[in-house]
């Protein structure tokens, strides 16, 4: 029982981390597209 709960906690944590990294990557990509003309000048 405890092993299963630990595995469930680890799975939930890794999914949250993956989702957070995907959101950060998407935010970074959007901000790069938004500010790219300023860098290009």
PDB file of N, CA and C in Angstrom:
ATOM      1  N   UNK A   1       0.833  -1.204   0.000  1.00  0.00           N
ATOM      2  CA  UNK A   1       0.000   0.000   0.000  1.00  0.00           C
ATOM      3  C   UNK A   1       0.867   1.254   0.000  1.00  0.00           C
ATOM      4  N   UNK A   2       1.853   1.302   0.891  1.00  0.00           N
ATOM      5  CA  UNK A   2       2.692   2.498   0.943  1.00  0.00           C
ATOM      6  C   UNK A   2       3.503   2.650  -0.345  1.00  0.00           C
ATOM      7  N   UNK A   3       3.962   1.531  -0.912  1.00  0.00           N
ATOM      8  CA  UNK A   3       4.734   1.613  -2.158  1.00  0.00           C
ATOM      9  C   UNK A   3       3.855   2.182  -3.269  1.00  0.00           C
ATOM     10  N   UNK A   4       2.599   1.736  -3.325  1.00  0.00           N
ATOM     11  CA  UNK A   4       1.702   2.236  -4.373  1.00  0.00           C
ATOM     12  C   UNK A   4       1.461   3.731  -4.188  1.00  0.00           C
ATOM     13  N   UNK A   5       1.272   4.162  -2.942  1.00  0.00           N
ATOM     14  CA  UNK A   5       1.030   5.586  -2.707  1.00  0.00           C
ATOM     15  C   UNK A   5       2.263   6.407  -3.067  1.00  0.00           C
ATOM     16  N   UNK A   6       3.449   5.880  -2.766  1.00  0.00           N
ATOM     17  CA  UNK A   6       4.678   6.597  -3.127  1.00  0.00           C
ATOM     18  C   UNK A   6       4.791   6.711  -4.640  1.00  0.00           C
ATOM     19  N   UNK A   7       4.479   5.625  -5.350  1.00  0.00           N
ATOM     20  CA  UNK A   7       4.550   5.664  -6.816  1.00  0.00           C
ATOM     21  C   UNK A   7       3.544   6.673  -7.361  1.00  0.00           C
ATOM     22  N   UNK A   8       2.336   6.701  -6.769  1.00  0.00           N
ATOM     23  CA  UNK A   8       1.336   7.662  -7.232  1.00  0.00           C
ATOM     24  C   UNK A   8       1.803   9.091  -6.983  1.00  0.00           C
ATOM     25  N   UNK A   9       2.381   9.348  -5.812  1.00  0.00           N
ATOM     26  CA  UNK A   9       2.883  10.689  -5.516  1.00  0.00           C
ATOM     27  C   UNK A   9       3.978  11.077  -6.507  1.00  0.00           C
ATOM     28  N   UNK A  10       4.902  10.159  -6.770  1.00  0.00           N
ATOM     29  CA  UNK A  10       5.993  10.455  -7.695  1.00  0.00           C
ATOM     30  C   UNK A  10       5.457  10.736  -9.096  1.00  0.00           C
ATOM     31  N   UNK A  11       4.454   9.944  -9.533  1.00  0.00           N
ATOM     32  CA  UNK A  11       3.880  10.153 -10.864  1.00  0.00           C
ATOM     33  C   UNK A  11       3.200  11.508 -10.948  1.00  0.00           C
ATOM     34  N   UNK A  12       2.410  11.854  -9.930  1.00  0.00           N
ATOM     35  CA  UNK A  12       1.738  13.153  -9.942  1.00  0.00           C
ATOM     36  C   UNK A  12       2.760  14.282  -9.953  1.00  0.00           C
ATOM     37  N   UNK A  13       3.825  14.146  -9.143  1.00  0.00           N
ATOM     38  CA  UNK A  13       4.843  15.192  -9.073  1.00  0.00           C
ATOM     39  C   UNK A  13       5.544  15.366 -10.420  1.00  0.00           C
ATOM     40  N   UNK A  14       5.917  14.252 -11.056  1.00  0.00           N
ATOM     41  CA  UNK A  14       6.616  14.347 -12.341  1.00  0.00           C
ATOM     42  C   UNK A  14       5.702  14.946 -13.403  1.00  0.00           C
ATOM     43  N   UNK A  15       4.403  14.604 -13.362  1.00  0.00           N
ATOM     44  CA  UNK A  15       3.479  15.187 -14.333  1.00  0.00           C
ATOM     45  C   UNK A  15       3.355  16.689 -14.112  1.00  0.00           C
ATOM     46  N   UNK A  16       3.308  17.120 -12.849  1.00  0.00           N
ATOM     47  CA  UNK A  16       3.228  18.558 -12.574  1.00  0.00           C
ATOM     48  C   UNK A  16       4.481  19.269 -13.047  1.00  0.00           C
ATOM     49  N   UNK A  17       5.646  18.656 -12.794  1.00  0.00           N
ATOM     50  CA  UNK A  17       6.902  19.275 -13.238  1.00  0.00           C
ATOM     51  C   UNK A  17       6.929  19.374 -14.757  1.00  0.00           C
ATOM     52  N   UNK A  18       6.508  18.298 -15.436  1.00  0.00           N
ATOM     53  CA  UNK A  18       6.505  18.306 -16.897  1.00  0.00           C
ATOM     54  C   UNK A  18       5.566  19.390 -17.421  1.00  0.00           C
ATOM     55  N   UNK A  19       4.369  19.498 -16.809  1.00  0.00           N
ATOM     56  CA  UNK A  19       3.420  20.519 -17.245  1.00  0.00           C
ATOM     57  C   UNK A  19       3.994  21.910 -17.010  1.00  0.00           C
ATOM     58  N   UNK A  20       4.627  22.116 -15.850  1.00  0.00           N
ATOM     59  CA  UNK A  20       5.210  23.423 -15.543  1.00  0.00           C
ATOM     60  C   UNK A  20       6.308  23.774 -16.543  1.00  0.00           C
ATOM     61  N   UNK A  21       7.165  22.806 -16.877  1.00  0.00           N
ATOM     62  CA  UNK A  21       8.230  23.078 -17.838  1.00  0.00           C
ATOM     63  C   UNK A  21       7.653  23.387 -19.214  1.00  0.00           C
ATOM     64  N   UNK A  22       6.596  22.659 -19.623  1.00  0.00           N
ATOM     65  CA  UNK A  22       5.971  22.941 -20.916  1.00  0.00           C
ATOM     66  C   UNK A  22       5.390  24.345 -20.933  1.00  0.00           C
ATOM     67  N   UNK A  23       4.743  24.758 -19.833  1.00  0.00           N
ATOM     68  CA  UNK A  23       4.162  26.108 -19.770  1.00  0.00           C
ATOM     69  C   UNK A  23       5.270  27.152 -19.839  1.00  0.00           C
ATOM     70  N   UNK A  24       6.357  26.937 -19.099  1.00  0.00           N
ATOM     71  CA  UNK A  24       7.467  27.894 -19.128  1.00  0.00           C
ATOM     72  C   UNK A  24       8.068  27.965 -20.530  1.00  0.00           C
ATOM     73  N   UNK A  25       8.211  26.814 -21.186  1.00  0.00           N
ATOM     74  CA  UNK A  25       8.768  26.803 -22.539  1.00  0.00           C
ATOM     75  C   UNK A  25       7.865  27.584 -23.485  1.00  0.00           C
ATOM     76  N   UNK A  26       6.536  27.361 -23.340  1.00  0.00           N
ATOM     77  CA  UNK A  26       5.593  28.058 -24.208  1.00  0.00           C
ATOM     78  C   UNK A  26       5.646  29.559 -23.947  1.00  0.00           C
ATOM     79  N   UNK A  27       5.722  29.959 -22.657  1.00  0.00           N
ATOM     80  CA  UNK A  27       5.811  31.382 -22.336  1.00  0.00           C
ATOM     81  C   UNK A  27       7.084  31.973 -22.934  1.00  0.00           C
ATOM     82  N   UNK A  28       8.206  31.258 -22.797  1.00  0.00           N
ATOM     83  CA  UNK A  28       9.458  31.753 -23.348  1.00  0.00           C
ATOM     84  C   UNK A  28       9.382  31.891 -24.861  1.00  0.00           C
ATOM     85  N   UNK A  29       8.754  30.922 -25.528  1.00  0.00           N
ATOM     86  CA  UNK A  29       8.639  30.970 -26.982  1.00  0.00           C
ATOM     87  C   UNK A  29       7.779  32.169 -27.387  1.00  0.00           C
ATOM     88  N   UNK A  30       6.656  32.374 -26.687  1.00  0.00           N
ATOM     89  CA  UNK A  30       5.781  33.492 -27.037  1.00  0.00           C
ATOM     90  C   UNK A  30       6.493  34.820 -26.807  1.00  0.00           C
ATOM     91  N   UNK A  31       7.214  34.953 -25.679  1.00  0.00           N
ATOM     92  CA  UNK A  31       7.897  36.212 -25.410  1.00  0.00           C
ATOM     93  C   UNK A  31       9.008  36.425 -26.435  1.00  0.00           C
ATOM     94  N   UNK A  32       9.687  35.351 -26.856  1.00  0.00           N
ATOM     95  CA  UNK A  32      10.723  35.505 -27.870  1.00  0.00           C
ATOM     96  C   UNK A  32      10.119  35.990 -29.181  1.00  0.00           C
ATOM     97  N   UNK A  33       8.972  35.425 -29.577  1.00  0.00           N
ATOM     98  CA  UNK A  33       8.327  35.880 -30.804  1.00  0.00           C
ATOM     99  C   UNK A  33       7.888  37.332 -30.661  1.00  0.00           C
ATOM    100  N   UNK A  34       7.417  37.695 -29.465  1.00  0.00           N
ATOM    101  CA  UNK A  34       6.905  39.047 -29.277  1.00  0.00           C
ATOM    102  C   UNK A  34       8.035  40.071 -29.353  1.00  0.00           C
ATOM    103  N   UNK A  35       9.200  39.739 -28.756  1.00  0.00           N
ATOM    104  CA  UNK A  35      10.277  40.721 -28.677  1.00  0.00           C
ATOM    105  C   UNK A  35      11.308  40.559 -29.788  1.00  0.00           C
ATOM    106  N   UNK A  36      11.105  39.621 -30.685  1.00  0.00           N
ATOM    107  CA  UNK A  36      12.127  39.381 -31.710  1.00  0.00           C
ATOM    108  C   UNK A  36      12.381  40.609 -32.588  1.00  0.00           C
ATOM    109  N   UNK A  37      11.340  41.364 -33.036  1.00  0.00           N
ATOM    110  CA  UNK A  37      11.623  42.540 -33.874  1.00  0.00           C
ATOM    111  C   UNK A  37      12.521  43.554 -33.185  1.00  0.00           C
ATOM    112  N   UNK A  38      12.378  43.705 -31.844  1.00  0.00           N
ATOM    113  CA  UNK A  38      13.248  44.652 -31.143  1.00  0.00           C
ATOM    114  C   UNK A  38      14.690  44.179 -31.184  1.00  0.00           C
ATOM    115  N   UNK A  39      14.888  42.842 -31.052  1.00  0.00           N
ATOM    116  CA  UNK A  39      16.246  42.330 -31.120  1.00  0.00           C
ATOM    117  C   UNK A  39      16.788  42.434 -32.540  1.00  0.00           C
ATOM    118  N   UNK A  40      15.933  42.314 -33.526  1.00  0.00           N
ATOM    119  CA  UNK A  40      16.393  42.311 -34.913  1.00  0.00           C
ATOM    120  C   UNK A  40      16.862  43.699 -35.337  1.00  0.00           C
ATOM    121  N   UNK A  41      16.278  44.749 -34.762  1.00  0.00           N
ATOM    122  CA  UNK A  41      16.667  46.107 -35.174  1.00  0.00           C
ATOM    123  C   UNK A  41      18.106  46.425 -34.784  1.00  0.00           C
TER     124      UNK A  41
END
